[in-house]
Protein backbone atom coordinates (compact mmCIF):
# COMPACT_ATOMS: atom_id res chain seq x y z
CA MET A 1 -15.30 107.27 48.21
CA THR A 2 -14.40 103.89 49.35
CA ALA A 3 -11.81 105.37 51.76
CA LEU A 4 -14.65 107.61 53.10
CA TRP A 5 -16.71 104.34 53.92
CA VAL A 6 -13.82 102.77 55.66
CA VAL A 7 -13.30 105.81 57.71
CA LEU A 8 -16.97 106.09 58.55
CA GLY A 9 -17.12 102.37 59.39
CA ALA A 10 -14.04 102.71 61.74
CA LEU A 11 -15.51 105.78 63.46
CA VAL A 12 -18.72 103.81 64.28
CA GLY A 13 -17.13 100.29 64.84
CA ALA A 14 -13.96 101.06 67.02
CA PRO A 15 -15.91 102.86 69.91
CA VAL A 16 -18.68 100.37 69.78
CA ARG A 17 -16.26 97.40 69.89
CA TYR A 18 -14.58 99.13 72.74
CA ALA A 19 -17.76 99.63 74.70
CA ALA A 20 -19.00 96.05 74.03
CA ASP A 21 -15.51 94.75 75.33
CA ARG A 22 -15.43 96.67 78.38
CA LEU A 23 -19.08 95.65 79.14
CA ALA A 24 -18.26 91.84 78.36
CA VAL A 25 -15.08 92.13 80.73
CA ARG A 26 -17.19 93.56 83.55
CA TRP A 27 -19.76 90.75 83.09
CA ARG A 28 -17.35 87.78 82.34
CA GLY A 29 -14.12 88.83 83.58
CA ALA A 30 -10.71 89.59 81.98
CA GLY A 31 -9.80 88.03 78.86
CA SER A 32 -13.44 87.69 77.53
CA VAL A 33 -13.95 87.94 73.75
CA VAL A 34 -17.55 87.92 73.89
CA GLY A 35 -18.01 91.75 73.45
CA VAL A 36 -15.89 91.79 70.18
CA LEU A 37 -17.48 88.69 68.92
CA VAL A 38 -20.96 90.35 69.23
CA VAL A 39 -19.93 93.56 67.59
CA ASN A 40 -18.20 91.69 64.68
CA VAL A 41 -21.14 89.54 63.98
CA ALA A 42 -23.60 92.42 64.18
CA GLY A 43 -21.44 94.37 62.08
CA SER A 44 -21.26 91.63 59.49
CA LEU A 45 -25.02 91.32 59.51
CA LEU A 46 -25.41 95.07 58.97
CA LEU A 47 -22.96 94.97 56.14
CA GLY A 48 -24.60 92.12 54.58
CA LEU A 49 -28.08 93.93 54.73
CA VAL A 50 -26.67 97.08 53.20
CA VAL A 51 -25.06 95.12 50.32
CA GLY A 52 -28.03 92.93 49.85
CA ALA A 53 -30.25 95.99 49.84
CA ARG A 54 -27.94 97.59 47.17
CA ASP A 55 -28.59 94.53 44.80
CA LEU A 56 -32.28 94.66 45.35
CA SER A 57 -32.87 98.53 44.63
CA PRO A 58 -33.59 99.94 41.63
CA PRO A 59 -30.54 101.58 39.75
CA SER A 60 -31.66 105.09 40.40
CA TRP A 61 -31.34 104.36 44.23
CA ARG A 62 -27.78 103.30 43.98
CA TRP A 63 -26.33 106.58 45.04
CA TRP A 64 -23.41 104.81 46.85
CA ALA A 65 -22.55 102.66 43.76
CA PRO A 66 -20.43 103.57 40.96
CA ALA A 67 -22.25 104.72 37.80
CA SER A 68 -20.88 101.68 35.75
CA ALA A 69 -22.42 99.28 38.65
CA ALA A 70 -25.87 100.71 38.06
CA ARG A 71 -27.63 98.71 35.33
C-alpha cells in the first residue's frame, strides 16, 4: 500500500513541479528555482495536513493506516 501512495504522489507531484518550474522560468528567467521551491513547500504542507488529520481522526476513519496503528 505504501508503494501505491508513493506512485500516486509522484503522478501528481512531478507534473505540477514541472509546470511550476516552466512558469517560474518564464517569469524569472533561466536558472530560477522558485517554481520547484513553491511546489515542494506546498507539498510538504499538504502532507503535514494529511498526517495531522490522521492523528486527530477517530480510529474507524483511519482507512489508510495499518490495523495495528488504529487504537
